[in-house]
Amino acid sequence: MKVTFKAYAMLSDYLPDAARRTNAVDVEVPEGTTVIDLIERFRLPRAMCHLVLIDGNFVPPAQRDGRVLRAGETLAVWPPIAGG
């Protein structure tokens, strides 16, 4: 099945070169793939995956190991960001 994976700020460095301009890549994943499976596939450090959204809905850290992705969903990940 196909899902979209987005990584922002410094996490975009983990995306394939062609995807870094748009911060997004469409990927084929097997049924049963979880949020953490996809984060690990791109080798993002778990500690840097602060804000995780599926189709704009927050996925709490305790649910990331068990939340199975569905075809057509978009998983977006942001690192901790500071500002003022």
PDB file of N, CA and C in Angstrom:
ATOM      1  N   MET A   1       0.853  -1.178   0.000  1.00  0.00           N
ATOM      2  CA  MET A   1       0.000   0.000   0.000  1.00  0.00           C
ATOM      3  C   MET A   1       0.890   1.229   0.000  1.00  0.00           C
ATOM      4  N   LYS A   2       0.335   2.345  -0.444  1.00  0.00           N
ATOM      5  CA  LYS A   2       1.114   3.567  -0.540  1.00  0.00           C
ATOM      6  C   LYS A   2       0.707   4.541   0.570  1.00  0.00           C
ATOM      7  N   VAL A   3       1.724   5.138   1.213  1.00  0.00           N
ATOM      8  CA  VAL A   3       1.529   6.212   2.184  1.00  0.00           C
ATOM      9  C   VAL A   3       2.517   7.314   1.842  1.00  0.00           C
ATOM     10  N   THR A   4       2.283   8.493   2.406  1.00  0.00           N
ATOM     11  CA  THR A   4       3.214   9.609   2.223  1.00  0.00           C
ATOM     12  C   THR A   4       3.927   9.839   3.542  1.00  0.00           C
ATOM     13  N   PHE A   5       5.231  10.007   3.468  1.00  0.00           N
ATOM     14  CA  PHE A   5       6.042  10.280   4.652  1.00  0.00           C
ATOM     15  C   PHE A   5       6.646  11.668   4.491  1.00  0.00           C
ATOM     16  N   LYS A   6       6.452  12.513   5.508  1.00  0.00           N
ATOM     17  CA  LYS A   6       7.006  13.861   5.506  1.00  0.00           C
ATOM     18  C   LYS A   6       7.889  14.042   6.725  1.00  0.00           C
ATOM     19  N   ALA A   7       9.025  14.678   6.525  1.00  0.00           N
ATOM     20  CA  ALA A   7       9.949  14.975   7.622  1.00  0.00           C
ATOM     21  C   ALA A   7      10.371  16.432   7.489  1.00  0.00           C
ATOM     22  N   TYR A   8      10.354  17.143   8.593  1.00  0.00           N
ATOM     23  CA  TYR A   8      10.593  18.587   8.571  1.00  0.00           C
ATOM     24  C   TYR A   8      11.838  18.980   9.346  1.00  0.00           C
ATOM     25  N   ALA A   9      12.295  20.211   9.064  1.00  0.00           N
ATOM     26  CA  ALA A   9      13.481  20.798   9.690  1.00  0.00           C
ATOM     27  C   ALA A   9      14.658  19.845   9.469  1.00  0.00           C
ATOM     28  N   MET A  10      15.457  19.617  10.496  1.00  0.00           N
ATOM     29  CA  MET A  10      16.661  18.800  10.323  1.00  0.00           C
ATOM     30  C   MET A  10      16.346  17.348   9.958  1.00  0.00           C
ATOM     31  N   LEU A  11      15.130  16.878  10.243  1.00  0.00           N
ATOM     32  CA  LEU A  11      14.776  15.503   9.909  1.00  0.00           C
ATOM     33  C   LEU A  11      14.656  15.276   8.407  1.00  0.00           C
ATOM     34  N   SER A  12      14.495  16.342   7.642  1.00  0.00           N
ATOM     35  CA  SER A  12      14.415  16.180   6.187  1.00  0.00           C
ATOM     36  C   SER A  12      15.731  15.655   5.610  1.00  0.00           C
ATOM     37  N   ASP A  13      16.824  15.787   6.368  1.00  0.00           N
ATOM     38  CA  ASP A  13      18.114  15.247   5.922  1.00  0.00           C
ATOM     39  C   ASP A  13      18.073  13.726   5.778  1.00  0.00           C
ATOM     40  N   TYR A  14      17.123  13.080   6.414  1.00  0.00           N
ATOM     41  CA  TYR A  14      17.010  11.624   6.355  1.00  0.00           C
ATOM     42  C   TYR A  14      16.204  11.147   5.148  1.00  0.00           C
ATOM     43  N   LEU A  15      15.587  12.064   4.439  1.00  0.00           N
ATOM     44  CA  LEU A  15      14.812  11.706   3.246  1.00  0.00           C
ATOM     45  C   LEU A  15      15.741  11.509   2.055  1.00  0.00           C
ATOM     46  N   PRO A  16      15.291  10.787   1.030  1.00  0.00           N
ATOM     47  CA  PRO A  16      16.083  10.693  -0.199  1.00  0.00           C
ATOM     48  C   PRO A  16      16.309  12.095  -0.778  1.00  0.00           C
ATOM     49  N   ASP A  17      17.424  12.276  -1.467  1.00  0.00           N
ATOM     50  CA  ASP A  17      17.780  13.594  -2.006  1.00  0.00           C
ATOM     51  C   ASP A  17      16.645  14.257  -2.775  1.00  0.00           C
ATOM     52  N   ALA A  18      15.976  13.514  -3.629  1.00  0.00           N
ATOM     53  CA  ALA A  18      14.912  14.094  -4.457  1.00  0.00           C
ATOM     54  C   ALA A  18      13.721  14.572  -3.628  1.00  0.00           C
ATOM     55  N   ALA A  19      13.533  14.028  -2.450  1.00  0.00           N
ATOM     56  CA  ALA A  19      12.379  14.385  -1.616  1.00  0.00           C
ATOM     57  C   ALA A  19      12.655  15.572  -0.697  1.00  0.00           C
ATOM     58  N   ARG A  20      13.882  15.969  -0.561  1.00  0.00           N
ATOM     59  CA  ARG A  20      14.229  17.032   0.392  1.00  0.00           C
ATOM     60  C   ARG A  20      13.666  18.392   0.003  1.00  0.00           C
ATOM     61  N   ARG A  21      13.416  18.624  -1.263  1.00  0.00           N
ATOM     62  CA  ARG A  21      12.849  19.912  -1.692  1.00  0.00           C
ATOM     63  C   ARG A  21      11.404  20.062  -1.243  1.00  0.00           C
ATOM     64  N   THR A  22      10.675  18.957  -1.202  1.00  0.00           N
ATOM     65  CA  THR A  22       9.265  19.010  -0.840  1.00  0.00           C
ATOM     66  C   THR A  22       8.993  18.471   0.564  1.00  0.00           C
ATOM     67  N   ASN A  23      10.009  17.920   1.198  1.00  0.00           N
ATOM     68  CA  ASN A  23       9.902  17.315   2.534  1.00  0.00           C
ATOM     69  C   ASN A  23       8.973  16.104   2.539  1.00  0.00           C
ATOM     70  N   ALA A  24       8.697  15.534   1.390  1.00  0.00           N
ATOM     71  CA  ALA A  24       7.738  14.428   1.332  1.00  0.00           C
ATOM     72  C   ALA A  24       8.171  13.379   0.315  1.00  0.00           C
ATOM     73  N   VAL A  25       7.817  12.143   0.639  1.00  0.00           N
ATOM     74  CA  VAL A  25       8.085  11.040  -0.278  1.00  0.00           C
ATOM     75  C   VAL A  25       6.933  10.041  -0.161  1.00  0.00           C
ATOM     76  N   ASP A  26       6.456   9.567  -1.308  1.00  0.00           N
ATOM     77  CA  ASP A  26       5.453   8.505  -1.319  1.00  0.00           C
ATOM     78  C   ASP A  26       6.197   7.179  -1.259  1.00  0.00           C
ATOM     79  N   VAL A  27       5.750   6.305  -0.369  1.00  0.00           N
ATOM     80  CA  VAL A  27       6.435   5.027  -0.191  1.00  0.00           C
ATOM     81  C   VAL A  27       5.435   3.886  -0.179  1.00  0.00           C
ATOM     82  N   GLU A  28       5.880   2.751  -0.671  1.00  0.00           N
ATOM     83  CA  GLU A  28       5.112   1.510  -0.595  1.00  0.00           C
ATOM     84  C   GLU A  28       5.523   0.816   0.691  1.00  0.00           C
ATOM     85  N   VAL A  29       4.529   0.439   1.468  1.00  0.00           N
ATOM     86  CA  VAL A  29       4.783  -0.273   2.720  1.00  0.00           C
ATOM     87  C   VAL A  29       3.845  -1.472   2.799  1.00  0.00           C
ATOM     88  N   PRO A  30       4.264  -2.510   3.502  1.00  0.00           N
ATOM     89  CA  PRO A  30       3.363  -3.662   3.649  1.00  0.00           C
ATOM     90  C   PRO A  30       2.234  -3.372   4.625  1.00  0.00           C
ATOM     91  N   GLU A  31       1.130  -4.072   4.464  1.00  0.00           N
ATOM     92  CA  GLU A  31       0.024  -3.974   5.412  1.00  0.00           C
ATOM     93  C   GLU A  31       0.576  -4.246   6.810  1.00  0.00           C
ATOM     94  N   GLY A  32       0.062  -3.525   7.792  1.00  0.00           N
ATOM     95  CA  GLY A  32       0.510  -3.721   9.162  1.00  0.00           C
ATOM     96  C   GLY A  32       1.669  -2.844   9.577  1.00  0.00           C
ATOM     97  N   THR A  33       2.170  -2.000   8.663  1.00  0.00           N
ATOM     98  CA  THR A  33       3.271  -1.099   8.995  1.00  0.00           C
ATOM     99  C   THR A  33       2.798  -0.079  10.021  1.00  0.00           C
ATOM    100  N   THR A  34       3.585   0.105  11.074  1.00  0.00           N
ATOM    101  CA  THR A  34       3.244   1.059  12.121  1.00  0.00           C
ATOM    102  C   THR A  34       4.010   2.367  11.926  1.00  0.00           C
ATOM    103  N   VAL A  35       3.609   3.352  12.716  1.00  0.00           N
ATOM    104  CA  VAL A  35       4.301   4.650  12.695  1.00  0.00           C
ATOM    105  C   VAL A  35       5.790   4.445  12.954  1.00  0.00           C
ATOM    106  N   ILE A  36       6.127   3.698  13.988  1.00  0.00           N
ATOM    107  CA  ILE A  36       7.536   3.476  14.326  1.00  0.00           C
ATOM    108  C   ILE A  36       8.253   2.711  13.227  1.00  0.00           C
ATOM    109  N   ASP A  37       7.590   1.761  12.580  1.00  0.00           N
ATOM    110  CA  ASP A  37       8.217   1.029  11.472  1.00  0.00           C
ATOM    111  C   ASP A  37       8.696   1.992  10.397  1.00  0.00           C
ATOM    112  N   LEU A  38       7.861   2.977  10.060  1.00  0.00           N
ATOM    113  CA  LEU A  38       8.228   3.910   8.996  1.00  0.00           C
ATOM    114  C   LEU A  38       9.310   4.884   9.471  1.00  0.00           C
ATOM    115  N   ILE A  39       9.223   5.328  10.710  1.00  0.00           N
ATOM    116  CA  ILE A  39      10.271   6.197  11.265  1.00  0.00           C
ATOM    117  C   ILE A  39      11.609   5.465  11.233  1.00  0.00           C
ATOM    118  N   GLU A  40      11.605   4.193  11.621  1.00  0.00           N
ATOM    119  CA  GLU A  40      12.846   3.408  11.610  1.00  0.00           C
ATOM    120  C   GLU A  40      13.327   3.112  10.194  1.00  0.00           C
ATOM    121  N   ARG A  41      12.418   2.959   9.277  1.00  0.00           N
ATOM    122  CA  ARG A  41      12.806   2.711   7.883  1.00  0.00           C
ATOM    123  C   ARG A  41      13.682   3.851   7.354  1.00  0.00           C
ATOM    124  N   PHE A  42      13.363   5.074   7.765  1.00  0.00           N
ATOM    125  CA  PHE A  42      14.151   6.233   7.329  1.00  0.00           C
ATOM    126  C   PHE A  42      15.259   6.583   8.310  1.00  0.00           C
ATOM    127  N   ARG A  43      15.415   5.769   9.352  1.00  0.00           N
ATOM    128  CA  ARG A  43      16.487   5.906  10.345  1.00  0.00           C
ATOM    129  C   ARG A  43      16.452   7.235  11.095  1.00  0.00           C
ATOM    130  N   LEU A  44      15.252   7.752  11.312  1.00  0.00           N
ATOM    131  CA  LEU A  44      15.118   8.956  12.122  1.00  0.00           C
ATOM    132  C   LEU A  44      15.351   8.578  13.584  1.00  0.00           C
ATOM    133  N   PRO A  45      16.118   9.379  14.320  1.00  0.00           N
ATOM    134  CA  PRO A  45      16.304   9.094  15.742  1.00  0.00           C
ATOM    135  C   PRO A  45      14.978   9.290  16.489  1.00  0.00           C
ATOM    136  N   ARG A  46      14.554   8.276  17.224  1.00  0.00           N
ATOM    137  CA  ARG A  46      13.273   8.363  17.928  1.00  0.00           C
ATOM    138  C   ARG A  46      13.204   9.591  18.835  1.00  0.00           C
ATOM    139  N   ALA A  47      14.301   9.913  19.492  1.00  0.00           N
ATOM    140  CA  ALA A  47      14.310  11.053  20.418  1.00  0.00           C
ATOM    141  C   ALA A  47      14.081  12.374  19.701  1.00  0.00           C
ATOM    142  N   MET A  48      14.319  12.412  18.407  1.00  0.00           N
ATOM    143  CA  MET A  48      14.133  13.641  17.640  1.00  0.00           C
ATOM    144  C   MET A  48      12.753  13.716  16.990  1.00  0.00           C
ATOM    145  N   CYS A  49      11.948  12.688  17.129  1.00  0.00           N
ATOM    146  CA  CYS A  49      10.600  12.669  16.551  1.00  0.00           C
ATOM    147  C   CYS A  49       9.621  13.183  17.596  1.00  0.00           C
ATOM    148  N   HIS A  50       9.567  14.486  17.726  1.00  0.00           N
ATOM    149  CA  HIS A  50       8.801  15.127  18.788  1.00  0.00           C
ATOM    150  C   HIS A  50       7.312  15.217  18.457  1.00  0.00           C
ATOM    151  N   LEU A  51       7.000  15.799  17.324  1.00  0.00           N
ATOM    152  CA  LEU A  51       5.611  15.979  16.904  1.00  0.00           C
ATOM    153  C   LEU A  51       5.345  15.034  15.742  1.00  0.00           C
ATOM    154  N   VAL A  52       4.409  14.109  15.939  1.00  0.00           N
ATOM    155  CA  VAL A  52       4.080  13.113  14.926  1.00  0.00           C
ATOM    156  C   VAL A  52       2.580  13.220  14.633  1.00  0.00           C
ATOM    157  N   LEU A  53       2.265  13.411  13.364  1.00  0.00           N
ATOM    158  CA  LEU A  53       0.874  13.559  12.937  1.00  0.00           C
ATOM    159  C   LEU A  53       0.551  12.578  11.819  1.00  0.00           C
ATOM    160  N   ILE A  54      -0.672  12.066  11.855  1.00  0.00           N
ATOM    161  CA  ILE A  54      -1.199  11.300  10.728  1.00  0.00           C
ATOM    162  C   ILE A  54      -2.387  12.083  10.212  1.00  0.00           C
ATOM    163  N   ASP A  55      -2.290  12.521   8.977  1.00  0.00           N
ATOM    164  CA  ASP A  55      -3.334  13.336   8.356  1.00  0.00           C
ATOM    165  C   ASP A  55      -3.747  14.497   9.266  1.00  0.00           C
ATOM    166  N   GLY A  56      -2.762  15.102   9.914  1.00  0.00           N
ATOM    167  CA  GLY A  56      -3.000  16.273  10.754  1.00  0.00           C
ATOM    168  C   GLY A  56      -3.430  15.973  12.176  1.00  0.00           C
ATOM    169  N   ASN A  57      -3.541  14.701  12.534  1.00  0.00           N
ATOM    170  CA  ASN A  57      -3.954  14.315  13.879  1.00  0.00           C
ATOM    171  C   ASN A  57      -2.754  13.811  14.677  1.00  0.00           C
ATOM    172  N   PHE A  58      -2.577  14.368  15.871  1.00  0.00           N
ATOM    173  CA  PHE A  58      -1.448  14.040  16.734  1.00  0.00           C
ATOM    174  C   PHE A  58      -1.471  12.571  17.145  1.00  0.00           C
ATOM    175  N   VAL A  59      -0.289  11.946  17.070  1.00  0.00           N
ATOM    176  CA  VAL A  59      -0.121  10.571  17.544  1.00  0.00           C
ATOM    177  C   VAL A  59       0.784  10.630  18.771  1.00  0.00           C
ATOM    178  N   PRO A  60       0.239  10.385  19.968  1.00  0.00           N
ATOM    179  CA  PRO A  60       1.048  10.435  21.186  1.00  0.00           C
ATOM    180  C   PRO A  60       2.157   9.385  21.166  1.00  0.00           C
ATOM    181  N   PRO A  61       3.269   9.662  21.841  1.00  0.00           N
ATOM    182  CA  PRO A  61       4.387   8.708  21.852  1.00  0.00           C
ATOM    183  C   PRO A  61       3.985   7.290  22.254  1.00  0.00           C
ATOM    184  N   ALA A  62       3.092   7.141  23.203  1.00  0.00           N
ATOM    185  CA  ALA A  62       2.691   5.813  23.671  1.00  0.00           C
ATOM    186  C   ALA A  62       1.924   5.012  22.613  1.00  0.00           C
ATOM    187  N   GLN A  63       1.419   5.669  21.583  1.00  0.00           N
ATOM    188  CA  GLN A  63       0.631   4.983  20.551  1.00  0.00           C
ATOM    189  C   GLN A  63       1.408   4.717  19.267  1.00  0.00           C
ATOM    190  N   ARG A  64       2.625   5.215  19.169  1.00  0.00           N
ATOM    191  CA  ARG A  64       3.371   5.133  17.908  1.00  0.00           C
ATOM    192  C   ARG A  64       3.815   3.724  17.548  1.00  0.00           C
ATOM    193  N   ASP A  65       4.083   2.885  18.553  1.00  0.00           N
ATOM    194  CA  ASP A  65       4.488   1.501  18.265  1.00  0.00           C
ATOM    195  C   ASP A  65       3.340   0.672  17.714  1.00  0.00           C
ATOM    196  N   GLY A  66       2.119   0.992  18.111  1.00  0.00           N
ATOM    197  CA  GLY A  66       0.986   0.169  17.726  1.00  0.00           C
ATOM    198  C   GLY A  66       0.071   0.751  16.675  1.00  0.00           C
ATOM    199  N   ARG A  67       0.258   2.024  16.336  1.00  0.00           N
ATOM    200  CA  ARG A  67      -0.640   2.668  15.358  1.00  0.00           C
ATOM    201  C   ARG A  67      -0.280   2.207  13.952  1.00  0.00           C
ATOM    202  N   VAL A  68      -1.163   1.422  13.354  1.00  0.00           N
ATOM    203  CA  VAL A  68      -0.949   0.883  12.013  1.00  0.00           C
ATOM    204  C   VAL A  68      -1.383   1.925  10.987  1.00  0.00           C
ATOM    205  N   LEU A  69      -0.534   2.119   9.986  1.00  0.00           N
ATOM    206  CA  LEU A  69      -0.847   3.063   8.909  1.00  0.00           C
ATOM    207  C   LEU A  69      -1.817   2.423   7.921  1.00  0.00           C
ATOM    208  N   ARG A  70      -2.642   3.269   7.320  1.00  0.00           N
ATOM    209  CA  ARG A  70      -3.602   2.815   6.316  1.00  0.00           C
ATOM    210  C   ARG A  70      -3.245   3.424   4.959  1.00  0.00           C
ATOM    211  N   ALA A  71      -3.639   2.773   3.911  1.00  0.00           N
ATOM    212  CA  ALA A  71      -3.355   3.251   2.554  1.00  0.00           C
ATOM    213  C   ALA A  71      -3.834   4.686   2.392  1.00  0.00           C
ATOM    214  N   GLY A  72      -2.977   5.517   1.804  1.00  0.00           N
ATOM    215  CA  GLY A  72      -3.329   6.897   1.506  1.00  0.00           C
ATOM    216  C   GLY A  72      -3.058   7.882   2.626  1.00  0.00           C
ATOM    217  N   GLU A  73      -2.688   7.397   3.812  1.00  0.00           N
ATOM    218  CA  GLU A  73      -2.428   8.317   4.919  1.00  0.00           C
ATOM    219  C   GLU A  73      -1.093   9.030   4.745  1.00  0.00           C
ATOM    220  N   THR A  74      -0.993  10.177   5.422  1.00  0.00           N
ATOM    221  CA  THR A  74       0.250  10.945   5.427  1.00  0.00           C
ATOM    222  C   THR A  74       0.771  10.998   6.850  1.00  0.00           C
ATOM    223  N   LEU A  75       1.997  10.544   7.036  1.00  0.00           N
ATOM    224  CA  LEU A  75       2.683  10.595   8.318  1.00  0.00           C
ATOM    225  C   LEU A  75       3.679  11.745   8.250  1.00  0.00           C
ATOM    226  N   ALA A  76       3.555  12.707   9.161  1.00  0.00           N
ATOM    227  CA  ALA A  76       4.447  13.856   9.202  1.00  0.00           C
ATOM    228  C   ALA A  76       5.161  13.893  10.549  1.00  0.00           C
ATOM    229  N   VAL A  77       6.458  14.194  10.531  1.00  0.00           N
ATOM    230  CA  VAL A  77       7.275  14.180  11.744  1.00  0.00           C
ATOM    231  C   VAL A  77       8.095  15.463  11.836  1.00  0.00           C
ATOM    232  N   TRP A  78       8.067  16.086  13.018  1.00  0.00           N
ATOM    233  CA  TRP A  78       8.865  17.277  13.298  1.00  0.00           C
ATOM    234  C   TRP A  78       9.761  17.022  14.503  1.00  0.00           C
ATOM    235  N   PRO A  79      10.962  17.599  14.494  1.00  0.00           N
ATOM    236  CA  PRO A  79      11.808  17.532  15.684  1.00  0.00           C
ATOM    237  C   PRO A  79      11.361  18.587  16.693  1.00  0.00           C
ATOM    238  N   PRO A  80      11.925  18.563  17.899  1.00  0.00           N
ATOM    239  CA  PRO A  80      11.624  19.656  18.841  1.00  0.00           C
ATOM    240  C   PRO A  80      12.075  20.971  18.228  1.00  0.00           C
ATOM    241  N   ILE A  81      11.263  21.988  18.374  1.00  0.00           N
ATOM    242  CA  ILE A  81      11.577  23.307  17.793  1.00  0.00           C
ATOM    243  C   ILE A  81      11.444  24.349  18.884  1.00  0.00           C
ATOM    244  N   ALA A  82      12.413  25.229  18.936  1.00  0.00           N
ATOM    245  CA  ALA A  82      12.365  26.335  19.900  1.00  0.00           C
ATOM    246  C   ALA A  82      12.241  27.636  19.128  1.00  0.00           C
ATOM    247  N   GLY A  83      11.664  28.602  19.742  1.00  0.00           N
ATOM    248  CA  GLY A  83      11.530  29.895  19.082  1.00  0.00           C
ATOM    249  C   GLY A  83      10.940  30.906  20.042  1.00  0.00           C
ATOM    250  N   GLY A  84      10.801  32.069  19.531  1.00  0.00           N
ATOM    251  CA  GLY A  84      10.267  33.069  20.426  1.00  0.00           C
ATOM    252  C   GLY A  84       9.686  34.242  19.674  1.00  0.00           C
TER     253      GLY A  84
END
